[in-house]
Amino acid sequence: MAEDPPTSPHVSGTPFSREIGLQETRRLRARRAGVHGVWSGLGMLGLIGWSVATPTLLGALLGAWIDKRRPGNHSWTLALLIGGLCIGCINAWHWVAKEEREISAGEENEDRVQ
């Protein structure tokens, strides 16, 4: 009788077969987790976009308001727009890093269960 293939793709085989096994494991894990369609991906992109755009726009509006009230040599609009952009980028970076940590933790937990 032929031997059954190993249950884990990490056990034996060539590097190519191990890589194929890892890809198949990820595909099956994604299927069990649920299908995330195009709309889900666009929603995430929109969320990240708004997390950058909102502080940028608020900074520009606040700067324009200050420039109207107290005109001076320096543009508060430009300074606060750049400040808002920096805050928004940091905000998006933290959000993406948090999501990545949660995904990695979920994969590690699934690997321990198997």
PDB file of N, CA and C in Angstrom:
ATOM      1  N   MET A   1       0.821  -1.185   0.000  1.00  0.00           N
ATOM      2  CA  MET A   1       0.000   0.000   0.000  1.00  0.00           C
ATOM      3  C   MET A   1       0.866   1.250   0.000  1.00  0.00           C
ATOM      4  N   ALA A   2       0.390   2.261  -0.627  1.00  0.00           N
ATOM      5  CA  ALA A   2       1.125   3.523  -0.668  1.00  0.00           C
ATOM      6  C   ALA A   2       1.003   4.225   0.682  1.00  0.00           C
ATOM      7  N   GLU A   3       2.066   4.928   1.039  1.00  0.00           N
ATOM      8  CA  GLU A   3       2.043   5.661   2.306  1.00  0.00           C
ATOM      9  C   GLU A   3       1.157   6.886   2.182  1.00  0.00           C
ATOM     10  N   ASP A   4       0.492   7.234   3.299  1.00  0.00           N
ATOM     11  CA  ASP A   4      -0.306   8.457   3.329  1.00  0.00           C
ATOM     12  C   ASP A   4       0.638   9.649   3.365  1.00  0.00           C
ATOM     13  N   PRO A   5       0.275  10.755   2.737  1.00  0.00           N
ATOM     14  CA  PRO A   5       1.120  11.948   2.812  1.00  0.00           C
ATOM     15  C   PRO A   5       1.151  12.473   4.240  1.00  0.00           C
ATOM     16  N   PRO A   6       2.226  13.134   4.617  1.00  0.00           N
ATOM     17  CA  PRO A   6       2.301  13.675   5.975  1.00  0.00           C
ATOM     18  C   PRO A   6       1.195  14.700   6.201  1.00  0.00           C
ATOM     19  N   THR A   7       0.724  14.767   7.448  1.00  0.00           N
ATOM     20  CA  THR A   7      -0.367  15.676   7.777  1.00  0.00           C
ATOM     21  C   THR A   7       0.091  17.125   7.780  1.00  0.00           C
ATOM     22  N   SER A   8       1.345  17.360   8.067  1.00  0.00           N
ATOM     23  CA  SER A   8       1.866  18.714   8.102  1.00  0.00           C
ATOM     24  C   SER A   8       2.817  18.918   6.934  1.00  0.00           C
ATOM     25  N   PRO A   9       2.715  20.035   6.224  1.00  0.00           N
ATOM     26  CA  PRO A   9       3.607  20.265   5.104  1.00  0.00           C
ATOM     27  C   PRO A   9       5.042  20.531   5.534  1.00  0.00           C
ATOM     28  N   HIS A  10       5.273  20.699   6.830  1.00  0.00           N
ATOM     29  CA  HIS A  10       6.603  21.028   7.326  1.00  0.00           C
ATOM     30  C   HIS A  10       7.446  19.783   7.585  1.00  0.00           C
ATOM     31  N   VAL A  11       6.872  18.597   7.482  1.00  0.00           N
ATOM     32  CA  VAL A  11       7.550  17.382   7.934  1.00  0.00           C
ATOM     33  C   VAL A  11       8.657  16.944   6.986  1.00  0.00           C
ATOM     34  N   SER A  12       8.346  16.713   5.729  1.00  0.00           N
ATOM     35  CA  SER A  12       9.353  16.212   4.819  1.00  0.00           C
ATOM     36  C   SER A  12       9.068  16.693   3.411  1.00  0.00           C
ATOM     37  N   GLY A  13       9.974  16.356   2.508  1.00  0.00           N
ATOM     38  CA  GLY A  13       9.794  16.708   1.117  1.00  0.00           C
ATOM     39  C   GLY A  13      10.818  17.745   0.680  1.00  0.00           C
ATOM     40  N   THR A  14      10.729  18.079  -0.572  1.00  0.00           N
ATOM     41  CA  THR A  14      11.635  19.076  -1.128  1.00  0.00           C
ATOM     42  C   THR A  14      11.192  20.468  -0.699  1.00  0.00           C
ATOM     43  N   PRO A  15      12.074  21.423  -0.820  1.00  0.00           N
ATOM     44  CA  PRO A  15      11.661  22.793  -0.470  1.00  0.00           C
ATOM     45  C   PRO A  15      10.449  23.254  -1.284  1.00  0.00           C
ATOM     46  N   PHE A  16      10.389  22.843  -2.537  1.00  0.00           N
ATOM     47  CA  PHE A  16       9.253  23.221  -3.374  1.00  0.00           C
ATOM     48  C   PHE A  16       7.956  22.630  -2.836  1.00  0.00           C
ATOM     49  N   SER A  17       7.974  21.346  -2.468  1.00  0.00           N
ATOM     50  CA  SER A  17       6.750  20.725  -1.964  1.00  0.00           C
ATOM     51  C   SER A  17       6.348  21.309  -0.618  1.00  0.00           C
ATOM     52  N   ARG A  18       7.333  21.670   0.208  1.00  0.00           N
ATOM     53  CA  ARG A  18       6.997  22.312   1.487  1.00  0.00           C
ATOM     54  C   ARG A  18       6.344  23.668   1.252  1.00  0.00           C
ATOM     55  N   GLU A  19       6.865  24.436   0.280  1.00  0.00           N
ATOM     56  CA  GLU A  19       6.285  25.746  -0.026  1.00  0.00           C
ATOM     57  C   GLU A  19       4.864  25.590  -0.549  1.00  0.00           C
ATOM     58  N   ILE A  20       4.627  24.624  -1.416  1.00  0.00           N
ATOM     59  CA  ILE A  20       3.280  24.364  -1.926  1.00  0.00           C
ATOM     60  C   ILE A  20       2.361  23.963  -0.776  1.00  0.00           C
ATOM     61  N   GLY A  21       2.867  23.137   0.140  1.00  0.00           N
ATOM     62  CA  GLY A  21       2.075  22.734   1.301  1.00  0.00           C
ATOM     63  C   GLY A  21       1.713  23.921   2.182  1.00  0.00           C
ATOM     64  N   LEU A  22       2.662  24.839   2.377  1.00  0.00           N
ATOM     65  CA  LEU A  22       2.392  26.032   3.178  1.00  0.00           C
ATOM     66  C   LEU A  22       1.344  26.912   2.505  1.00  0.00           C
ATOM     67  N   GLN A  23       1.443  27.068   1.193  1.00  0.00           N
ATOM     68  CA  GLN A  23       0.452  27.865   0.477  1.00  0.00           C
ATOM     69  C   GLN A  23      -0.935  27.244   0.579  1.00  0.00           C
ATOM     70  N   GLU A  24      -0.995  25.933   0.461  1.00  0.00           N
ATOM     71  CA  GLU A  24      -2.285  25.250   0.560  1.00  0.00           C
ATOM     72  C   GLU A  24      -2.855  25.384   1.969  1.00  0.00           C
ATOM     73  N   THR A  25      -1.997  25.293   2.971  1.00  0.00           N
ATOM     74  CA  THR A  25      -2.447  25.464   4.352  1.00  0.00           C
ATOM     75  C   THR A  25      -3.019  26.860   4.561  1.00  0.00           C
ATOM     76  N   ARG A  26      -2.334  27.890   4.033  1.00  0.00           N
ATOM     77  CA  ARG A  26      -2.838  29.260   4.148  1.00  0.00           C
ATOM     78  C   ARG A  26      -4.169  29.424   3.421  1.00  0.00           C
ATOM     79  N   ARG A  27      -4.283  28.798   2.251  1.00  0.00           N
ATOM     80  CA  ARG A  27      -5.524  28.900   1.477  1.00  0.00           C
ATOM     81  C   ARG A  27      -6.682  28.265   2.233  1.00  0.00           C
ATOM     82  N   LEU A  28      -6.447  27.089   2.815  1.00  0.00           N
ATOM     83  CA  LEU A  28      -7.501  26.420   3.580  1.00  0.00           C
ATOM     84  C   LEU A  28      -7.865  27.216   4.836  1.00  0.00           C
ATOM     85  N   ARG A  29      -6.861  27.797   5.477  1.00  0.00           N
ATOM     86  CA  ARG A  29      -7.117  28.608   6.668  1.00  0.00           C
ATOM     87  C   ARG A  29      -7.958  29.831   6.301  1.00  0.00           C
ATOM     88  N   ALA A  30      -7.654  30.454   5.168  1.00  0.00           N
ATOM     89  CA  ALA A  30      -8.427  31.611   4.722  1.00  0.00           C
ATOM     90  C   ALA A  30      -9.857  31.205   4.390  1.00  0.00           C
ATOM     91  N   ARG A  31     -10.025  30.030   3.809  1.00  0.00           N
ATOM     92  CA  ARG A  31     -11.375  29.561   3.474  1.00  0.00           C
ATOM     93  C   ARG A  31     -12.190  29.337   4.749  1.00  0.00           C
ATOM     94  N   ARG A  32     -11.552  28.763   5.785  1.00  0.00           N
ATOM     95  CA  ARG A  32     -12.260  28.538   7.049  1.00  0.00           C
ATOM     96  C   ARG A  32     -12.600  29.853   7.740  1.00  0.00           C
ATOM     97  N   ALA A  33     -11.716  30.840   7.620  1.00  0.00           N
ATOM     98  CA  ALA A  33     -11.945  32.129   8.284  1.00  0.00           C
ATOM     99  C   ALA A  33     -13.085  32.898   7.638  1.00  0.00           C
ATOM    100  N   GLY A  34     -13.399  32.592   6.418  1.00  0.00           N
ATOM    101  CA  GLY A  34     -14.477  33.296   5.734  1.00  0.00           C
ATOM    102  C   GLY A  34     -13.949  34.038   4.526  1.00  0.00           C
ATOM    103  N   VAL A  35     -14.826  34.264   3.600  1.00  0.00           N
ATOM    104  CA  VAL A  35     -14.437  34.919   2.362  1.00  0.00           C
ATOM    105  C   VAL A  35     -14.508  36.431   2.542  1.00  0.00           C
ATOM    106  N   HIS A  36     -13.429  37.080   2.237  1.00  0.00           N
ATOM    107  CA  HIS A  36     -13.391  38.533   2.247  1.00  0.00           C
ATOM    108  C   HIS A  36     -13.339  38.974   0.794  1.00  0.00           C
ATOM    109  N   GLY A  37     -14.393  39.559   0.357  1.00  0.00           N
ATOM    110  CA  GLY A  37     -14.507  39.938  -1.037  1.00  0.00           C
ATOM    111  C   GLY A  37     -13.876  41.273  -1.342  1.00  0.00           C
ATOM    112  N   VAL A  38     -14.161  41.723  -2.527  1.00  0.00           N
ATOM    113  CA  VAL A  38     -13.639  42.999  -2.992  1.00  0.00           C
ATOM    114  C   VAL A  38     -14.156  44.138  -2.120  1.00  0.00           C
ATOM    115  N   TRP A  39     -15.420  44.065  -1.729  1.00  0.00           N
ATOM    116  CA  TRP A  39     -16.000  45.148  -0.932  1.00  0.00           C
ATOM    117  C   TRP A  39     -15.335  45.260   0.431  1.00  0.00           C
ATOM    118  N   SER A  40     -14.960  44.119   0.994  1.00  0.00           N
ATOM    119  CA  SER A  40     -14.270  44.147   2.283  1.00  0.00           C
ATOM    120  C   SER A  40     -12.915  44.834   2.149  1.00  0.00           C
ATOM    121  N   GLY A  41     -12.193  44.503   1.082  1.00  0.00           N
ATOM    122  CA  GLY A  41     -10.899  45.139   0.840  1.00  0.00           C
ATOM    123  C   GLY A  41     -11.028  46.628   0.584  1.00  0.00           C
ATOM    124  N   LEU A  42     -12.044  47.012  -0.190  1.00  0.00           N
ATOM    125  CA  LEU A  42     -12.271  48.435  -0.446  1.00  0.00           C
ATOM    126  C   LEU A  42     -12.672  49.167   0.832  1.00  0.00           C
ATOM    127  N   GLY A  43     -13.423  48.479   1.678  1.00  0.00           N
ATOM    128  CA  GLY A  43     -13.789  49.074   2.965  1.00  0.00           C
ATOM    129  C   GLY A  43     -12.576  49.343   3.824  1.00  0.00           C
ATOM    130  N   MET A  44     -11.634  48.400   3.839  1.00  0.00           N
ATOM    131  CA  MET A  44     -10.407  48.608   4.616  1.00  0.00           C
ATOM    132  C   MET A  44      -9.590  49.754   4.042  1.00  0.00           C
ATOM    133  N   LEU A  45      -9.494  49.821   2.718  1.00  0.00           N
ATOM    134  CA  LEU A  45      -8.766  50.932   2.099  1.00  0.00           C
ATOM    135  C   LEU A  45      -9.443  52.263   2.431  1.00  0.00           C
ATOM    136  N   GLY A  46     -10.762  52.268   2.414  1.00  0.00           N
ATOM    137  CA  GLY A  46     -11.489  53.481   2.761  1.00  0.00           C
ATOM    138  C   GLY A  46     -11.251  53.897   4.194  1.00  0.00           C
ATOM    139  N   LEU A  47     -11.210  52.918   5.087  1.00  0.00           N
ATOM    140  CA  LEU A  47     -10.971  53.218   6.499  1.00  0.00           C
ATOM    141  C   LEU A  47      -9.591  53.822   6.697  1.00  0.00           C
ATOM    142  N   ILE A  48      -8.602  53.249   6.045  1.00  0.00           N
ATOM    143  CA  ILE A  48      -7.244  53.789   6.153  1.00  0.00           C
ATOM    144  C   ILE A  48      -7.186  55.183   5.527  1.00  0.00           C
ATOM    145  N   GLY A  49      -7.855  55.352   4.389  1.00  0.00           N
ATOM    146  CA  GLY A  49      -7.872  56.664   3.736  1.00  0.00           C
ATOM    147  C   GLY A  49      -8.498  57.734   4.604  1.00  0.00           C
ATOM    148  N   TRP A  50      -9.621  57.409   5.234  1.00  0.00           N
ATOM    149  CA  TRP A  50     -10.273  58.385   6.111  1.00  0.00           C
ATOM    150  C   TRP A  50      -9.433  58.683   7.343  1.00  0.00           C
ATOM    151  N   SER A  51      -8.685  57.676   7.827  1.00  0.00           N
ATOM    152  CA  SER A  51      -7.854  57.924   9.011  1.00  0.00           C
ATOM    153  C   SER A  51      -6.706  58.873   8.691  1.00  0.00           C
ATOM    154  N   VAL A  52      -6.354  59.016   7.419  1.00  0.00           N
ATOM    155  CA  VAL A  52      -5.340  59.993   7.014  1.00  0.00           C
ATOM    156  C   VAL A  52      -6.005  61.310   6.618  1.00  0.00           C
ATOM    157  N   ALA A  53      -7.092  61.220   5.862  1.00  0.00           N
ATOM    158  CA  ALA A  53      -7.722  62.432   5.321  1.00  0.00           C
ATOM    159  C   ALA A  53      -8.353  63.302   6.400  1.00  0.00           C
ATOM    160  N   THR A  54      -8.968  62.691   7.406  1.00  0.00           N
ATOM    161  CA  THR A  54      -9.673  63.470   8.425  1.00  0.00           C
ATOM    162  C   THR A  54      -8.741  64.409   9.198  1.00  0.00           C
ATOM    163  N   PRO A  55      -7.630  63.920   9.772  1.00  0.00           N
ATOM    164  CA  PRO A  55      -6.755  64.869  10.478  1.00  0.00           C
ATOM    165  C   PRO A  55      -6.126  65.905   9.542  1.00  0.00           C
ATOM    166  N   THR A  56      -5.878  65.504   8.284  1.00  0.00           N
ATOM    167  CA  THR A  56      -5.305  66.450   7.328  1.00  0.00           C
ATOM    168  C   THR A  56      -6.279  67.597   7.058  1.00  0.00           C
ATOM    169  N   LEU A  57      -7.521  67.255   6.800  1.00  0.00           N
ATOM    170  CA  LEU A  57      -8.532  68.289   6.543  1.00  0.00           C
ATOM    171  C   LEU A  57      -8.798  69.146   7.776  1.00  0.00           C
ATOM    172  N   LEU A  58      -8.859  68.514   8.940  1.00  0.00           N
ATOM    173  CA  LEU A  58      -9.072  69.286  10.164  1.00  0.00           C
ATOM    174  C   LEU A  58      -7.926  70.264  10.409  1.00  0.00           C
ATOM    175  N   GLY A  59      -6.699  69.815  10.154  1.00  0.00           N
ATOM    176  CA  GLY A  59      -5.548  70.709  10.298  1.00  0.00           C
ATOM    177  C   GLY A  59      -5.610  71.871   9.327  1.00  0.00           C
ATOM    178  N   ALA A  60      -5.993  71.585   8.071  1.00  0.00           N
ATOM    179  CA  ALA A  60      -6.098  72.658   7.076  1.00  0.00           C
ATOM    180  C   ALA A  60      -7.197  73.646   7.454  1.00  0.00           C
ATOM    181  N   LEU A  61      -8.331  73.149   7.907  1.00  0.00           N
ATOM    182  CA  LEU A  61      -9.433  74.040   8.300  1.00  0.00           C
ATOM    183  C   LEU A  61      -9.055  74.895   9.506  1.00  0.00           C
ATOM    184  N   LEU A  62      -8.438  74.291  10.492  1.00  0.00           N
ATOM    185  CA  LEU A  62      -8.008  75.046  11.671  1.00  0.00           C
ATOM    186  C   LEU A  62      -6.973  76.089  11.280  1.00  0.00           C
ATOM    187  N   GLY A  63      -6.033  75.715  10.407  1.00  0.00           N
ATOM    188  CA  GLY A  63      -5.019  76.667   9.954  1.00  0.00           C
ATOM    189  C   GLY A  63      -5.627  77.822   9.185  1.00  0.00           C
ATOM    190  N   ALA A  64      -6.607  77.546   8.325  1.00  0.00           N
ATOM    191  CA  ALA A  64      -7.273  78.612   7.566  1.00  0.00           C
ATOM    192  C   ALA A  64      -8.023  79.548   8.515  1.00  0.00           C
ATOM    193  N   TRP A  65      -8.661  78.973   9.534  1.00  0.00           N
ATOM    194  CA  TRP A  65      -9.382  79.791  10.513  1.00  0.00           C
ATOM    195  C   TRP A  65      -8.413  80.709  11.267  1.00  0.00           C
ATOM    196  N   ILE A  66      -7.260  80.146  11.683  1.00  0.00           N
ATOM    197  CA  ILE A  66      -6.256  80.958  12.396  1.00  0.00           C
ATOM    198  C   ILE A  66      -5.708  82.047  11.480  1.00  0.00           C
ATOM    199  N   ASP A  67      -5.441  81.697  10.210  1.00  0.00           N
ATOM    200  CA  ASP A  67      -4.921  82.697   9.265  1.00  0.00           C
ATOM    201  C   ASP A  67      -5.904  83.841   9.034  1.00  0.00           C
ATOM    202  N   LYS A  68      -7.199  83.562   9.034  1.00  0.00           N
ATOM    203  CA  LYS A  68      -8.201  84.628   8.880  1.00  0.00           C
ATOM    204  C   LYS A  68      -8.251  85.526  10.109  1.00  0.00           C
ATOM    205  N   ARG A  69      -8.157  84.924  11.279  1.00  0.00           N
ATOM    206  CA  ARG A  69      -8.276  85.680  12.526  1.00  0.00           C
ATOM    207  C   ARG A  69      -7.007  86.479  12.830  1.00  0.00           C
ATOM    208  N   ARG A  70      -5.865  85.885  12.592  1.00  0.00           N
ATOM    209  CA  ARG A  70      -4.586  86.509  12.933  1.00  0.00           C
ATOM    210  C   ARG A  70      -3.608  86.375  11.769  1.00  0.00           C
ATOM    211  N   PRO A  71      -3.700  87.222  10.774  1.00  0.00           N
ATOM    212  CA  PRO A  71      -2.763  87.149   9.649  1.00  0.00           C
ATOM    213  C   PRO A  71      -1.337  87.436  10.122  1.00  0.00           C
ATOM    214  N   GLY A  72      -0.395  86.752   9.527  1.00  0.00           N
ATOM    215  CA  GLY A  72       1.000  86.935   9.915  1.00  0.00           C
ATOM    216  C   GLY A  72       1.930  86.575   8.769  1.00  0.00           C
ATOM    217  N   ASN A  73       3.205  86.459   9.110  1.00  0.00           N
ATOM    218  CA  ASN A  73       4.217  86.145   8.105  1.00  0.00           C
ATOM    219  C   ASN A  73       4.194  84.672   7.702  1.00  0.00           C
ATOM    220  N   HIS A  74       3.738  83.812   8.583  1.00  0.00           N
ATOM    221  CA  HIS A  74       3.767  82.362   8.329  1.00  0.00           C
ATOM    222  C   HIS A  74       2.355  81.845   8.089  1.00  0.00           C
ATOM    223  N   SER A  75       2.267  80.830   7.269  1.00  0.00           N
ATOM    224  CA  SER A  75       0.975  80.237   6.940  1.00  0.00           C
ATOM    225  C   SER A  75       0.640  79.119   7.925  1.00  0.00           C
ATOM    226  N   TRP A  76      -0.355  79.380   8.760  1.00  0.00           N
ATOM    227  CA  TRP A  76      -0.811  78.338   9.674  1.00  0.00           C
ATOM    228  C   TRP A  76      -1.519  77.219   8.911  1.00  0.00           C
ATOM    229  N   THR A  77      -2.135  77.567   7.795  1.00  0.00           N
ATOM    230  CA  THR A  77      -2.842  76.568   7.001  1.00  0.00           C
ATOM    231  C   THR A  77      -1.878  75.482   6.542  1.00  0.00           C
ATOM    232  N   LEU A  78      -0.762  75.882   5.971  1.00  0.00           N
ATOM    233  CA  LEU A  78       0.221  74.924   5.483  1.00  0.00           C
ATOM    234  C   LEU A  78       0.837  74.124   6.630  1.00  0.00           C
ATOM    235  N   ALA A  79       1.189  74.803   7.707  1.00  0.00           N
ATOM    236  CA  ALA A  79       1.814  74.124   8.843  1.00  0.00           C
ATOM    237  C   ALA A  79       0.879  73.085   9.457  1.00  0.00           C
ATOM    238  N   LEU A  80      -0.377  73.452   9.675  1.00  0.00           N
ATOM    239  CA  LEU A  80      -1.309  72.513  10.300  1.00  0.00           C
ATOM    240  C   LEU A  80      -1.772  71.434   9.321  1.00  0.00           C
ATOM    241  N   LEU A  81      -1.778  71.732   8.029  1.00  0.00           N
ATOM    242  CA  LEU A  81      -2.076  70.704   7.042  1.00  0.00           C
ATOM    243  C   LEU A  81      -1.001  69.616   7.081  1.00  0.00           C
ATOM    244  N   ILE A  82       0.254  70.021   7.120  1.00  0.00           N
ATOM    245  CA  ILE A  82       1.353  69.047   7.191  1.00  0.00           C
ATOM    246  C   ILE A  82       1.312  68.300   8.525  1.00  0.00           C
ATOM    247  N   GLY A  83       1.030  69.023   9.604  1.00  0.00           N
ATOM    248  CA  GLY A  83       0.907  68.366  10.905  1.00  0.00           C
ATOM    249  C   GLY A  83      -0.217  67.343  10.925  1.00  0.00           C
ATOM    250  N   GLY A  84      -1.365  67.696  10.357  1.00  0.00           N
ATOM    251  CA  GLY A  84      -2.483  66.756  10.280  1.00  0.00           C
ATOM    252  C   GLY A  84      -2.157  65.557   9.424  1.00  0.00           C
ATOM    253  N   LEU A  85      -1.437  65.780   8.331  1.00  0.00           N
ATOM    254  CA  LEU A  85      -1.027  64.669   7.471  1.00  0.00           C
ATOM    255  C   LEU A  85      -0.113  63.711   8.218  1.00  0.00           C
ATOM    256  N   CYS A  86       0.836  64.254   8.963  1.00  0.00           N
ATOM    257  CA  CYS A  86       1.739  63.403   9.757  1.00  0.00           C
ATOM    258  C   CYS A  86       0.965  62.607  10.804  1.00  0.00           C
ATOM    259  N   ILE A  87       0.064  63.257  11.505  1.00  0.00           N
ATOM    260  CA  ILE A  87      -0.752  62.562  12.511  1.00  0.00           C
ATOM    261  C   ILE A  87      -1.598  61.481  11.855  1.00  0.00           C
ATOM    262  N   GLY A  88      -2.188  61.772  10.704  1.00  0.00           N
ATOM    263  CA  GLY A  88      -2.994  60.785   9.996  1.00  0.00           C
ATOM    264  C   GLY A  88      -2.180  59.589   9.542  1.00  0.00           C
ATOM    265  N   CYS A  89      -0.975  59.829   9.042  1.00  0.00           N
ATOM    266  CA  CYS A  89      -0.120  58.712   8.604  1.00  0.00           C
ATOM    267  C   CYS A  89       0.298  57.840   9.787  1.00  0.00           C
ATOM    268  N   ILE A  90       0.617  58.469  10.896  1.00  0.00           N
ATOM    269  CA  ILE A  90       0.972  57.701  12.098  1.00  0.00           C
ATOM    270  C   ILE A  90      -0.231  56.894  12.573  1.00  0.00           C
ATOM    271  N   ASN A  91      -1.407  57.498  12.545  1.00  0.00           N
ATOM    272  CA  ASN A  91      -2.637  56.817  12.930  1.00  0.00           C
ATOM    273  C   ASN A  91      -2.884  55.590  12.039  1.00  0.00           C
ATOM    274  N   ALA A  92      -2.758  55.759  10.735  1.00  0.00           N
ATOM    275  CA  ALA A  92      -2.966  54.643   9.808  1.00  0.00           C
ATOM    276  C   ALA A  92      -1.917  53.566  10.022  1.00  0.00           C
ATOM    277  N   TRP A  93      -0.672  53.953  10.262  1.00  0.00           N
ATOM    278  CA  TRP A  93       0.396  52.992  10.480  1.00  0.00           C
ATOM    279  C   TRP A  93       0.125  52.158  11.737  1.00  0.00           C
ATOM    280  N   HIS A  94      -0.310  52.805  12.801  1.00  0.00           N
ATOM    281  CA  HIS A  94      -0.626  52.064  14.025  1.00  0.00           C
ATOM    282  C   HIS A  94      -1.798  51.107  13.796  1.00  0.00           C
ATOM    283  N   TRP A  95      -2.815  51.548  13.063  1.00  0.00           N
ATOM    284  CA  TRP A  95      -3.982  50.709  12.806  1.00  0.00           C
ATOM    285  C   TRP A  95      -3.597  49.481  11.989  1.00  0.00           C
ATOM    286  N   VAL A  96      -2.800  49.667  10.943  1.00  0.00           N
ATOM    287  CA  VAL A  96      -2.378  48.547  10.100  1.00  0.00           C
ATOM    288  C   VAL A  96      -1.485  47.593  10.899  1.00  0.00           C
ATOM    289  N   ALA A  97      -0.589  48.130  11.715  1.00  0.00           N
ATOM    290  CA  ALA A  97       0.281  47.280  12.536  1.00  0.00           C
ATOM    291  C   ALA A  97      -0.541  46.460  13.533  1.00  0.00           C
ATOM    292  N   LYS A  98      -1.569  47.055  14.114  1.00  0.00           N
ATOM    293  CA  LYS A  98      -2.440  46.335  15.052  1.00  0.00           C
ATOM    294  C   LYS A  98      -3.163  45.194  14.342  1.00  0.00           C
ATOM    295  N   GLU A  99      -3.700  45.478  13.163  1.00  0.00           N
ATOM    296  CA  GLU A  99      -4.388  44.437  12.401  1.00  0.00           C
ATOM    297  C   GLU A  99      -3.432  43.306  12.034  1.00  0.00           C
ATOM    298  N   GLU A 100      -2.207  43.655  11.655  1.00  0.00           N
ATOM    299  CA  GLU A 100      -1.220  42.638  11.301  1.00  0.00           C
ATOM    300  C   GLU A 100      -0.878  41.758  12.508  1.00  0.00           C
ATOM    301  N   ARG A 101      -0.745  42.381  13.685  1.00  0.00           N
ATOM    302  CA  ARG A 101      -0.470  41.602  14.897  1.00  0.00           C
ATOM    303  C   ARG A 101      -1.617  40.652  15.209  1.00  0.00           C
ATOM    304  N   GLU A 102      -2.860  41.121  15.040  1.00  0.00           N
ATOM    305  CA  GLU A 102      -4.018  40.261  15.302  1.00  0.00           C
ATOM    306  C   GLU A 102      -4.076  39.092  14.327  1.00  0.00           C
ATOM    307  N   ILE A 103      -3.765  39.339  13.067  1.00  0.00           N
ATOM    308  CA  ILE A 103      -3.760  38.265  12.071  1.00  0.00           C
ATOM    309  C   ILE A 103      -2.670  37.261  12.395  1.00  0.00           C
ATOM    310  N   SER A 104      -1.481  37.749  12.741  1.00  0.00           N
ATOM    311  CA  SER A 104      -0.373  36.849  13.079  1.00  0.00           C
ATOM    312  C   SER A 104      -0.687  36.023  14.319  1.00  0.00           C
ATOM    313  N   ALA A 105      -1.299  36.659  15.309  1.00  0.00           N
ATOM    314  CA  ALA A 105      -1.655  35.930  16.526  1.00  0.00           C
ATOM    315  C   ALA A 105      -2.687  34.849  16.224  1.00  0.00           C
ATOM    316  N   GLY A 106      -3.641  35.144  15.351  1.00  0.00           N
ATOM    317  CA  GLY A 106      -4.639  34.150  14.972  1.00  0.00           C
ATOM    318  C   GLY A 106      -4.005  32.991  14.238  1.00  0.00           C
ATOM    319  N   GLU A 107      -3.027  33.252  13.361  1.00  0.00           N
ATOM    320  CA  GLU A 107      -2.359  32.179  12.639  1.00  0.00           C
ATOM    321  C   GLU A 107      -1.539  31.322  13.583  1.00  0.00           C
ATOM    322  N   GLU A 108      -0.872  31.950  14.552  1.00  0.00           N
ATOM    323  CA  GLU A 108      -0.075  31.194  15.519  1.00  0.00           C
ATOM    324  C   GLU A 108      -0.973  30.296  16.360  1.00  0.00           C
ATOM    325  N   ASN A 109      -2.135  30.815  16.772  1.00  0.00           N
ATOM    326  CA  ASN A 109      -3.066  30.007  17.566  1.00  0.00           C
ATOM    327  C   ASN A 109      -3.574  28.816  16.758  1.00  0.00           C
ATOM    328  N   GLU A 110      -3.858  29.028  15.478  1.00  0.00           N
ATOM    329  CA  GLU A 110      -4.323  27.925  14.637  1.00  0.00           C
ATOM    330  C   GLU A 110      -3.241  26.892  14.428  1.00  0.00           C
ATOM    331  N   ASP A 111      -1.970  27.335  14.304  1.00  0.00           N
ATOM    332  CA  ASP A 111      -0.866  26.402  14.147  1.00  0.00           C
ATOM    333  C   ASP A 111      -0.685  25.545  15.396  1.00  0.00           C
ATOM    334  N   ARG A 112      -0.910  26.111  16.568  1.00  0.00           N
ATOM    335  CA  ARG A 112      -0.776  25.351  17.811  1.00  0.00           C
ATOM    336  C   ARG A 112      -1.874  24.320  17.942  1.00  0.00           C
ATOM    337  N   VAL A 113      -3.082  24.656  17.454  1.00  0.00           N
ATOM    338  CA  VAL A 113      -4.219  23.745  17.564  1.00  0.00           C
ATOM    339  C   VAL A 113      -4.020  22.542  16.666  1.00  0.00           C
ATOM    340  N   GLN A 114      -3.453  22.766  15.485  1.00  0.00           N
ATOM    341  CA  GLN A 114      -3.265  21.671  14.529  1.00  0.00           C
ATOM    342  C   GLN A 114      -2.196  20.807  15.003  1.00  0.00           C
TER     343      GLN A 114
END
